Amino acid sequence: LTILIYLNGVGGTYFPFGGDSPDLKDQPEDEGSIMVNAAGKLPGIDGILVVGVEGMDDYVSALYVSNPNSIVEIQPGDAVAFYNYKSNGEKEWTSL
């Protein structure tokens, strides 16, 4: 279990495969292929972008946001928790 705590509500985290990503229905063959796939993802379009009180402008232009539900705004003291591994011991690729 990983927990990210945003103490002052500033900063952000991008999960390129977060949410209901159709790209990861099957387990990837290796880490290299998943990293190549992640490099092609864009915040505001793919995955989930967590942004602080400074807003999303530091991460992505509002002109390019096609999925506003993929952006989560946090407040000071908020936390995000996620599992890095599945119950069977395999890596949880959506936590990247």
PDB file of N, CA and C in Angstrom:
ATOM      1  N   LEU A   1       0.857  -1.174   0.000  1.00  0.00           N
ATOM      2  CA  LEU A   1       0.000   0.000   0.000  1.00  0.00           C
ATOM      3  C   LEU A   1       0.899   1.232   0.000  1.00  0.00           C
ATOM      4  N   THR A   2       0.609   2.159  -0.890  1.00  0.00           N
ATOM      5  CA  THR A   2       1.319   3.435  -0.937  1.00  0.00           C
ATOM      6  C   THR A   2       0.328   4.533  -0.621  1.00  0.00           C
ATOM      7  N   ILE A   3       0.748   5.482   0.205  1.00  0.00           N
ATOM      8  CA  ILE A   3      -0.096   6.624   0.555  1.00  0.00           C
ATOM      9  C   ILE A   3       0.685   7.899   0.269  1.00  0.00           C
ATOM     10  N   LEU A   4       0.107   8.759  -0.534  1.00  0.00           N
ATOM     11  CA  LEU A   4       0.685  10.071  -0.801  1.00  0.00           C
ATOM     12  C   LEU A   4      -0.153  11.099  -0.060  1.00  0.00           C
ATOM     13  N   ILE A   5       0.494  11.864   0.824  1.00  0.00           N
ATOM     14  CA  ILE A   5      -0.212  12.880   1.596  1.00  0.00           C
ATOM     15  C   ILE A   5       0.240  14.249   1.109  1.00  0.00           C
ATOM     16  N   TYR A   6      -0.711  15.064   0.750  1.00  0.00           N
ATOM     17  CA  TYR A   6      -0.426  16.416   0.269  1.00  0.00           C
ATOM     18  C   TYR A   6      -0.612  17.368   1.448  1.00  0.00           C
ATOM     19  N   LEU A   7       0.459  17.571   2.208  1.00  0.00           N
ATOM     20  CA  LEU A   7       0.379  18.320   3.460  1.00  0.00           C
ATOM     21  C   LEU A   7      -0.083  19.752   3.268  1.00  0.00           C
ATOM     22  N   ASN A   8       0.472  20.430   2.265  1.00  0.00           N
ATOM     23  CA  ASN A   8       0.093  21.824   2.057  1.00  0.00           C
ATOM     24  C   ASN A   8      -0.818  22.002   0.838  1.00  0.00           C
ATOM     25  N   GLY A   9      -1.203  20.916   0.213  1.00  0.00           N
ATOM     26  CA  GLY A   9      -2.126  20.983  -0.915  1.00  0.00           C
ATOM     27  C   GLY A   9      -1.510  21.482  -2.202  1.00  0.00           C
ATOM     28  N   VAL A  10      -0.181  21.477  -2.277  1.00  0.00           N
ATOM     29  CA  VAL A  10       0.525  21.930  -3.478  1.00  0.00           C
ATOM     30  C   VAL A  10       1.218  20.727  -4.103  1.00  0.00           C
ATOM     31  N   GLY A  11       1.200  20.689  -5.417  1.00  0.00           N
ATOM     32  CA  GLY A  11       1.864  19.595  -6.118  1.00  0.00           C
ATOM     33  C   GLY A  11       0.856  18.755  -6.866  1.00  0.00           C
ATOM     34  N   GLY A  12       1.349  17.691  -7.440  1.00  0.00           N
ATOM     35  CA  GLY A  12       0.455  16.841  -8.190  1.00  0.00           C
ATOM     36  C   GLY A  12       1.086  15.501  -8.499  1.00  0.00           C
ATOM     37  N   THR A  13       0.254  14.591  -8.946  1.00  0.00           N
ATOM     38  CA  THR A  13       0.693  13.249  -9.307  1.00  0.00           C
ATOM     39  C   THR A  13      -0.119  12.822 -10.514  1.00  0.00           C
ATOM     40  N   TYR A  14       0.561  12.191 -11.466  1.00  0.00           N
ATOM     41  CA  TYR A  14      -0.123  11.725 -12.661  1.00  0.00           C
ATOM     42  C   TYR A  14      -0.055  10.211 -12.725  1.00  0.00           C
ATOM     43  N   PHE A  15      -1.209   9.586 -12.876  1.00  0.00           N
ATOM     44  CA  PHE A  15      -1.323   8.140 -13.038  1.00  0.00           C
ATOM     45  C   PHE A  15      -1.795   7.881 -14.470  1.00  0.00           C
ATOM     46  N   PRO A  16      -0.872   7.627 -15.408  1.00  0.00           N
ATOM     47  CA  PRO A  16      -1.264   7.507 -16.819  1.00  0.00           C
ATOM     48  C   PRO A  16      -2.235   6.372 -17.107  1.00  0.00           C
ATOM     49  N   PHE A  17      -2.257   5.337 -16.265  1.00  0.00           N
ATOM     50  CA  PHE A  17      -3.162   4.213 -16.482  1.00  0.00           C
ATOM     51  C   PHE A  17      -4.264   4.150 -15.437  1.00  0.00           C
ATOM     52  N   GLY A  18      -4.436   5.215 -14.671  1.00  0.00           N
ATOM     53  CA  GLY A  18      -5.470   5.242 -13.648  1.00  0.00           C
ATOM     54  C   GLY A  18      -6.857   5.284 -14.251  1.00  0.00           C
ATOM     55  N   GLY A  19      -7.834   4.978 -13.449  1.00  0.00           N
ATOM     56  CA  GLY A  19      -9.210   4.962 -13.945  1.00  0.00           C
ATOM     57  C   GLY A  19      -9.496   3.677 -14.691  1.00  0.00           C
ATOM     58  N   ASP A  20     -10.359   3.774 -15.648  1.00  0.00           N
ATOM     59  CA  ASP A  20     -10.750   2.597 -16.423  1.00  0.00           C
ATOM     60  C   ASP A  20      -9.968   2.574 -17.721  1.00  0.00           C
ATOM     61  N   SER A  21      -8.677   2.295 -17.636  1.00  0.00           N
ATOM     62  CA  SER A  21      -7.805   2.315 -18.810  1.00  0.00           C
ATOM     63  C   SER A  21      -7.973   1.043 -19.627  1.00  0.00           C
ATOM     64  N   PRO A  22      -8.435   1.164 -20.875  1.00  0.00           N
ATOM     65  CA  PRO A  22      -8.575  -0.033 -21.713  1.00  0.00           C
ATOM     66  C   PRO A  22      -7.230  -0.612 -22.137  1.00  0.00           C
ATOM     67  N   ASP A  23      -6.139   0.142 -21.963  1.00  0.00           N
ATOM     68  CA  ASP A  23      -4.814  -0.302 -22.388  1.00  0.00           C
ATOM     69  C   ASP A  23      -4.255  -1.428 -21.535  1.00  0.00           C
ATOM     70  N   LEU A  24      -4.793  -1.626 -20.339  1.00  0.00           N
ATOM     71  CA  LEU A  24      -4.196  -2.603 -19.431  1.00  0.00           C
ATOM     72  C   LEU A  24      -5.144  -3.740 -19.078  1.00  0.00           C
ATOM     73  N   LYS A  25      -5.987  -4.119 -19.988  1.00  0.00           N
ATOM     74  CA  LYS A  25      -6.888  -5.244 -19.712  1.00  0.00           C
ATOM     75  C   LYS A  25      -6.107  -6.540 -19.546  1.00  0.00           C
ATOM     76  N   ASP A  26      -4.994  -6.660 -20.283  1.00  0.00           N
ATOM     77  CA  ASP A  26      -4.107  -7.815 -20.155  1.00  0.00           C
ATOM     78  C   ASP A  26      -2.812  -7.362 -19.516  1.00  0.00           C
ATOM     79  N   GLN A  27      -2.205  -8.217 -18.728  1.00  0.00           N
ATOM     80  CA  GLN A  27      -0.946  -7.907 -18.080  1.00  0.00           C
ATOM     81  C   GLN A  27       0.149  -7.723 -19.134  1.00  0.00           C
ATOM     82  N   PRO A  28       0.921  -6.638 -19.081  1.00  0.00           N
ATOM     83  CA  PRO A  28       1.990  -6.448 -20.067  1.00  0.00           C
ATOM     84  C   PRO A  28       3.100  -7.481 -19.903  1.00  0.00           C
ATOM     85  N   GLU A  29       3.843  -7.667 -20.972  1.00  0.00           N
ATOM     86  CA  GLU A  29       4.922  -8.661 -20.962  1.00  0.00           C
ATOM     87  C   GLU A  29       6.101  -8.226 -20.098  1.00  0.00           C
ATOM     88  N   ASP A  30       6.456  -6.940 -20.146  1.00  0.00           N
ATOM     89  CA  ASP A  30       7.617  -6.480 -19.388  1.00  0.00           C
ATOM     90  C   ASP A  30       7.463  -5.006 -19.040  1.00  0.00           C
ATOM     91  N   GLU A  31       8.306  -4.541 -18.129  1.00  0.00           N
ATOM     92  CA  GLU A  31       8.227  -3.151 -17.695  1.00  0.00           C
ATOM     93  C   GLU A  31       8.567  -2.186 -18.810  1.00  0.00           C
ATOM     94  N   GLY A  32       9.451  -2.575 -19.700  1.00  0.00           N
ATOM     95  CA  GLY A  32       9.826  -1.703 -20.813  1.00  0.00           C
ATOM     96  C   GLY A  32       8.642  -1.361 -21.684  1.00  0.00           C
ATOM     97  N   SER A  33       7.817  -2.348 -21.997  1.00  0.00           N
ATOM     98  CA  SER A  33       6.666  -2.094 -22.858  1.00  0.00           C
ATOM     99  C   SER A  33       5.634  -1.209 -22.169  1.00  0.00           C
ATOM    100  N   ILE A  34       5.472  -1.361 -20.875  1.00  0.00           N
ATOM    101  CA  ILE A  34       4.502  -0.526 -20.162  1.00  0.00           C
ATOM    102  C   ILE A  34       4.995   0.919 -20.081  1.00  0.00           C
ATOM    103  N   MET A  35       6.303   1.115 -19.937  1.00  0.00           N
ATOM    104  CA  MET A  35       6.848   2.464 -19.871  1.00  0.00           C
ATOM    105  C   MET A  35       6.734   3.172 -21.220  1.00  0.00           C
ATOM    106  N   VAL A  36       6.932   2.442 -22.307  1.00  0.00           N
ATOM    107  CA  VAL A  36       6.760   3.020 -23.642  1.00  0.00           C
ATOM    108  C   VAL A  36       5.307   3.436 -23.825  1.00  0.00           C
ATOM    109  N   ASN A  37       4.390   2.590 -23.393  1.00  0.00           N
ATOM    110  CA  ASN A  37       2.970   2.897 -23.486  1.00  0.00           C
ATOM    111  C   ASN A  37       2.621   4.121 -22.639  1.00  0.00           C
ATOM    112  N   ALA A  38       3.192   4.231 -21.461  1.00  0.00           N
ATOM    113  CA  ALA A  38       2.913   5.358 -20.566  1.00  0.00           C
ATOM    114  C   ALA A  38       3.419   6.673 -21.143  1.00  0.00           C
ATOM    115  N   ALA A  39       4.523   6.630 -21.879  1.00  0.00           N
ATOM    116  CA  ALA A  39       5.096   7.850 -22.448  1.00  0.00           C
ATOM    117  C   ALA A  39       4.156   8.513 -23.444  1.00  0.00           C
ATOM    118  N   GLY A  40       3.256   7.758 -24.028  1.00  0.00           N
ATOM    119  CA  GLY A  40       2.325   8.313 -24.994  1.00  0.00           C
ATOM    120  C   GLY A  40       1.040   8.854 -24.386  1.00  0.00           C
ATOM    121  N   LYS A  41       0.906   8.784 -23.082  1.00  0.00           N
ATOM    122  CA  LYS A  41      -0.313   9.240 -22.408  1.00  0.00           C
ATOM    123  C   LYS A  41      -0.238  10.740 -22.116  1.00  0.00           C
ATOM    124  N   LEU A  42      -1.404  11.390 -22.078  1.00  0.00           N
ATOM    125  CA  LEU A  42      -1.468  12.828 -21.824  1.00  0.00           C
ATOM    126  C   LEU A  42      -2.408  13.143 -20.670  1.00  0.00           C
ATOM    127  N   PRO A  43      -1.940  13.933 -19.673  1.00  0.00           N
ATOM    128  CA  PRO A  43      -2.824  14.344 -18.582  1.00  0.00           C
ATOM    129  C   PRO A  43      -4.015  15.120 -19.128  1.00  0.00           C
ATOM    130  N   GLY A  44      -5.183  14.891 -18.564  1.00  0.00           N
ATOM    131  CA  GLY A  44      -6.388  15.560 -19.014  1.00  0.00           C
ATOM    132  C   GLY A  44      -7.104  14.815 -20.123  1.00  0.00           C
ATOM    133  N   ILE A  45      -6.416  13.830 -20.686  1.00  0.00           N
ATOM    134  CA  ILE A  45      -7.008  12.994 -21.727  1.00  0.00           C
ATOM    135  C   ILE A  45      -7.003  11.545 -21.266  1.00  0.00           C
ATOM    136  N   ASP A  46      -5.840  11.093 -20.783  1.00  0.00           N
ATOM    137  CA  ASP A  46      -5.654   9.714 -20.335  1.00  0.00           C
ATOM    138  C   ASP A  46      -5.395   9.681 -18.835  1.00  0.00           C
ATOM    139  N   GLY A  47      -5.788   8.613 -18.201  1.00  0.00           N
ATOM    140  CA  GLY A  47      -5.450   8.385 -16.802  1.00  0.00           C
ATOM    141  C   GLY A  47      -6.107   9.356 -15.842  1.00  0.00           C
ATOM    142  N   ILE A  48      -5.438   9.557 -14.698  1.00  0.00           N
ATOM    143  CA  ILE A  48      -5.928  10.456 -13.653  1.00  0.00           C
ATOM    144  C   ILE A  48      -4.811  11.413 -13.269  1.00  0.00           C
ATOM    145  N   LEU A  49      -5.130  12.698 -13.214  1.00  0.00           N
ATOM    146  CA  LEU A  49      -4.195  13.730 -12.789  1.00  0.00           C
ATOM    147  C   LEU A  49      -4.696  14.312 -11.478  1.00  0.00           C
ATOM    148  N   VAL A  50      -3.866  14.232 -10.442  1.00  0.00           N
ATOM    149  CA  VAL A  50      -4.185  14.811  -9.140  1.00  0.00           C
ATOM    150  C   VAL A  50      -3.428  16.132  -9.058  1.00  0.00           C
ATOM    151  N   VAL A  51      -4.156  17.239  -8.858  1.00  0.00           N
ATOM    152  CA  VAL A  51      -3.521  18.561  -8.805  1.00  0.00           C
ATOM    153  C   VAL A  51      -3.852  19.255  -7.497  1.00  0.00           C
ATOM    154  N   GLY A  52      -2.928  20.096  -7.071  1.00  0.00           N
ATOM    155  CA  GLY A  52      -3.094  20.837  -5.833  1.00  0.00           C
ATOM    156  C   GLY A  52      -3.859  22.124  -6.022  1.00  0.00           C
ATOM    157  N   VAL A  53      -3.796  22.962  -5.003  1.00  0.00           N
ATOM    158  CA  VAL A  53      -4.536  24.216  -5.000  1.00  0.00           C
ATOM    159  C   VAL A  53      -4.073  25.173  -6.089  1.00  0.00           C
ATOM    160  N   GLU A  54      -2.887  24.934  -6.647  1.00  0.00           N
ATOM    161  CA  GLU A  54      -2.390  25.796  -7.727  1.00  0.00           C
ATOM    162  C   GLU A  54      -3.118  25.538  -9.040  1.00  0.00           C
ATOM    163  N   GLY A  55      -3.865  24.451  -9.106  1.00  0.00           N
ATOM    164  CA  GLY A  55      -4.656  24.145 -10.297  1.00  0.00           C
ATOM    165  C   GLY A  55      -3.891  23.351 -11.325  1.00  0.00           C
ATOM    166  N   MET A  56      -4.555  23.073 -12.425  1.00  0.00           N
ATOM    167  CA  MET A  56      -3.984  22.193 -13.447  1.00  0.00           C
ATOM    168  C   MET A  56      -3.101  22.904 -14.449  1.00  0.00           C
ATOM    169  N   ASP A  57      -3.079  24.233 -14.444  1.00  0.00           N
ATOM    170  CA  ASP A  57      -2.344  24.969 -15.473  1.00  0.00           C
ATOM    171  C   ASP A  57      -0.861  24.638 -15.518  1.00  0.00           C
ATOM    172  N   ASP A  58      -0.278  24.237 -14.395  1.00  0.00           N
ATOM    173  CA  ASP A  58       1.140  23.858 -14.379  1.00  0.00           C
ATOM    174  C   ASP A  58       1.378  22.510 -15.042  1.00  0.00           C
ATOM    175  N   TYR A  59       0.334  21.758 -15.281  1.00  0.00           N
ATOM    176  CA  TYR A  59       0.464  20.395 -15.795  1.00  0.00           C
ATOM    177  C   TYR A  59      -0.093  20.220 -17.211  1.00  0.00           C
ATOM    178  N   VAL A  60      -1.168  20.924 -17.487  1.00  0.00           N
ATOM    179  CA  VAL A  60      -1.840  20.745 -18.778  1.00  0.00           C
ATOM    180  C   VAL A  60      -2.673  21.987 -19.078  1.00  0.00           C
ATOM    181  N   SER A  61      -2.727  22.356 -20.340  1.00  0.00           N
ATOM    182  CA  SER A  61      -3.548  23.480 -20.763  1.00  0.00           C
ATOM    183  C   SER A  61      -5.019  23.059 -20.782  1.00  0.00           C
ATOM    184  N   ALA A  62      -5.880  23.936 -20.309  1.00  0.00           N
ATOM    185  CA  ALA A  62      -7.321  23.643 -20.312  1.00  0.00           C
ATOM    186  C   ALA A  62      -7.830  23.393 -21.724  1.00  0.00           C
ATOM    187  N   LEU A  63      -7.119  23.894 -22.721  1.00  0.00           N
ATOM    188  CA  LEU A  63      -7.524  23.690 -24.119  1.00  0.00           C
ATOM    189  C   LEU A  63      -7.428  22.231 -24.531  1.00  0.00           C
ATOM    190  N   TYR A  64      -6.557  21.471 -23.850  1.00  0.00           N
ATOM    191  CA  TYR A  64      -6.314  20.087 -24.239  1.00  0.00           C
ATOM    192  C   TYR A  64      -7.034  19.072 -23.352  1.00  0.00           C
ATOM    193  N   VAL A  65      -7.822  19.535 -22.416  1.00  0.00           N
ATOM    194  CA  VAL A  65      -8.518  18.623 -21.507  1.00  0.00           C
ATOM    195  C   VAL A  65      -9.787  18.117 -22.187  1.00  0.00           C
ATOM    196  N   SER A  66      -9.781  16.853 -22.565  1.00  0.00           N
ATOM    197  CA  SER A  66     -10.970  16.276 -23.191  1.00  0.00           C
ATOM    198  C   SER A  66     -11.771  15.443 -22.205  1.00  0.00           C
ATOM    199  N   ASN A  67     -11.185  15.186 -21.036  1.00  0.00           N
ATOM    200  CA  ASN A  67     -11.871  14.392 -20.022  1.00  0.00           C
ATOM    201  C   ASN A  67     -11.709  15.083 -18.664  1.00  0.00           C
ATOM    202  N   PRO A  68     -12.541  16.092 -18.368  1.00  0.00           N
ATOM    203  CA  PRO A  68     -12.389  16.810 -17.097  1.00  0.00           C
ATOM    204  C   PRO A  68     -12.588  15.932 -15.871  1.00  0.00           C
ATOM    205  N   ASN A  69     -13.257  14.788 -16.013  1.00  0.00           N
ATOM    206  CA  ASN A  69     -13.428  13.868 -14.887  1.00  0.00           C
ATOM    207  C   ASN A  69     -12.133  13.160 -14.522  1.00  0.00           C
ATOM    208  N   SER A  70     -11.098  13.291 -15.357  1.00  0.00           N
ATOM    209  CA  SER A  70      -9.822  12.646 -15.075  1.00  0.00           C
ATOM    210  C   SER A  70      -8.906  13.532 -14.238  1.00  0.00           C
ATOM    211  N   ILE A  71      -9.384  14.715 -13.844  1.00  0.00           N
ATOM    212  CA  ILE A  71      -8.580  15.628 -13.036  1.00  0.00           C
ATOM    213  C   ILE A  71      -9.224  15.774 -11.662  1.00  0.00           C
ATOM    214  N   VAL A  72      -8.437  15.482 -10.633  1.00  0.00           N
ATOM    215  CA  VAL A  72      -8.912  15.536  -9.250  1.00  0.00           C
ATOM    216  C   VAL A  72      -8.159  16.650  -8.537  1.00  0.00           C
ATOM    217  N   GLU A  73      -8.895  17.595  -7.971  1.00  0.00           N
ATOM    218  CA  GLU A  73      -8.266  18.688  -7.226  1.00  0.00           C
ATOM    219  C   GLU A  73      -8.246  18.341  -5.745  1.00  0.00           C
ATOM    220  N   ILE A  74      -7.062  18.515  -5.148  1.00  0.00           N
ATOM    221  CA  ILE A  74      -6.887  18.196  -3.737  1.00  0.00           C
ATOM    222  C   ILE A  74      -6.809  19.464  -2.898  1.00  0.00           C
ATOM    223  N   GLN A  75      -7.002  19.299  -1.627  1.00  0.00           N
ATOM    224  CA  GLN A  75      -6.880  20.370  -0.647  1.00  0.00           C
ATOM    225  C   GLN A  75      -5.782  19.995   0.349  1.00  0.00           C
ATOM    226  N   PRO A  76      -5.248  20.964   1.096  1.00  0.00           N
ATOM    227  CA  PRO A  76      -4.235  20.633   2.098  1.00  0.00           C
ATOM    228  C   PRO A  76      -4.712  19.536   3.038  1.00  0.00           C
ATOM    229  N   GLY A  77      -3.861  18.539   3.241  1.00  0.00           N
ATOM    230  CA  GLY A  77      -4.181  17.421   4.124  1.00  0.00           C
ATOM    231  C   GLY A  77      -4.814  16.233   3.434  1.00  0.00           C
ATOM    232  N   ASP A  78      -5.176  16.374   2.161  1.00  0.00           N
ATOM    233  CA  ASP A  78      -5.749  15.245   1.423  1.00  0.00           C
ATOM    234  C   ASP A  78      -4.685  14.181   1.174  1.00  0.00           C
ATOM    235  N   ALA A  79      -5.142  12.954   0.959  1.00  0.00           N
ATOM    236  CA  ALA A  79      -4.231  11.840   0.699  1.00  0.00           C
ATOM    237  C   ALA A  79      -4.801  10.955  -0.405  1.00  0.00           C
ATOM    238  N   VAL A  80      -3.901  10.279  -1.089  1.00  0.00           N
ATOM    239  CA  VAL A  80      -4.259   9.305  -2.117  1.00  0.00           C
ATOM    240  C   VAL A  80      -3.615   7.991  -1.705  1.00  0.00           C
ATOM    241  N   ALA A  81      -4.381   6.914  -1.667  1.00  0.00           N
ATOM    242  CA  ALA A  81      -3.853   5.595  -1.307  1.00  0.00           C
ATOM    243  C   ALA A  81      -4.124   4.626  -2.450  1.00  0.00           C
ATOM    244  N   PHE A  82      -3.127   3.788  -2.735  1.00  0.00           N
ATOM    245  CA  PHE A  82      -3.302   2.801  -3.797  1.00  0.00           C
ATOM    246  C   PHE A  82      -2.373   1.616  -3.547  1.00  0.00           C
ATOM    247  N   TYR A  83      -2.754   0.496  -4.120  1.00  0.00           N
ATOM    248  CA  TYR A  83      -1.960  -0.720  -3.998  1.00  0.00           C
ATOM    249  C   TYR A  83      -1.024  -0.848  -5.196  1.00  0.00           C
ATOM    250  N   ASN A  84       0.223  -1.235  -4.944  1.00  0.00           N
ATOM    251  CA  ASN A  84       1.201  -1.449  -6.008  1.00  0.00           C
ATOM    252  C   ASN A  84       1.176  -2.885  -6.522  1.00  0.00           C
ATOM    253  N   TYR A  85       0.580  -3.779  -5.751  1.00  0.00           N
ATOM    254  CA  TYR A  85       0.534  -5.198  -6.110  1.00  0.00           C
ATOM    255  C   TYR A  85      -0.878  -5.735  -5.937  1.00  0.00           C
ATOM    256  N   LYS A  86      -1.244  -6.665  -6.785  1.00  0.00           N
ATOM    257  CA  LYS A  86      -2.534  -7.346  -6.669  1.00  0.00           C
ATOM    258  C   LYS A  86      -2.448  -8.391  -5.563  1.00  0.00           C
ATOM    259  N   SER A  87      -3.572  -8.948  -5.174  1.00  0.00           N
ATOM    260  CA  SER A  87      -3.600  -9.933  -4.089  1.00  0.00           C
ATOM    261  C   SER A  87      -2.831 -11.203  -4.438  1.00  0.00           C
ATOM    262  N   ASN A  88      -2.634 -11.476  -5.742  1.00  0.00           N
ATOM    263  CA  ASN A  88      -1.873 -12.667  -6.151  1.00  0.00           C
ATOM    264  C   ASN A  88      -0.371 -12.387  -6.279  1.00  0.00           C
ATOM    265  N   GLY A  89       0.071 -11.172  -5.955  1.00  0.00           N
ATOM    266  CA  GLY A  89       1.486 -10.833  -5.981  1.00  0.00           C
ATOM    267  C   GLY A  89       1.969 -10.188  -7.267  1.00  0.00           C
ATOM    268  N   GLU A  90       1.127 -10.128  -8.298  1.00  0.00           N
ATOM    269  CA  GLU A  90       1.517  -9.472  -9.548  1.00  0.00           C
ATOM    270  C   GLU A  90       1.504  -7.958  -9.363  1.00  0.00           C
ATOM    271  N   LYS A  91       2.353  -7.256 -10.122  1.00  0.00           N
ATOM    272  CA  LYS A  91       2.371  -5.796 -10.054  1.00  0.00           C
ATOM    273  C   LYS A  91       1.043  -5.239 -10.546  1.00  0.00           C
ATOM    274  N   GLU A  92       0.622  -4.186  -9.895  1.00  0.00           N
ATOM    275  CA  GLU A  92      -0.598  -3.477 -10.303  1.00  0.00           C
ATOM    276  C   GLU A  92      -0.180  -2.319 -11.197  1.00  0.00           C
ATOM    277  N   TRP A  93      -0.229  -2.539 -12.494  1.00  0.00           N
ATOM    278  CA  TRP A  93       0.283  -1.568 -13.460  1.00  0.00           C
ATOM    279  C   TRP A  93      -0.504  -0.267 -13.468  1.00  0.00           C
ATOM    280  N   THR A  94      -1.762  -0.287 -13.056  1.00  0.00           N
ATOM    281  CA  THR A  94      -2.534   0.946 -13.064  1.00  0.00           C
ATOM    282  C   THR A  94      -2.073   1.925 -11.991  1.00  0.00           C
ATOM    283  N   SER A  95      -1.207   1.492 -11.079  1.00  0.00           N
ATOM    284  CA  SER A  95      -0.702   2.388 -10.039  1.00  0.00           C
ATOM    285  C   SER A  95       0.519   3.181 -10.501  1.00  0.00           C
ATOM    286  N   LEU A  96       0.968   2.953 -11.724  1.00  0.00           N
ATOM    287  CA  LEU A  96       2.122   3.714 -12.224  1.00  0.00           C
ATOM    288  C   LEU A  96       1.776   5.169 -12.387  1.00  0.00           C
TER     289      LEU A  96
END
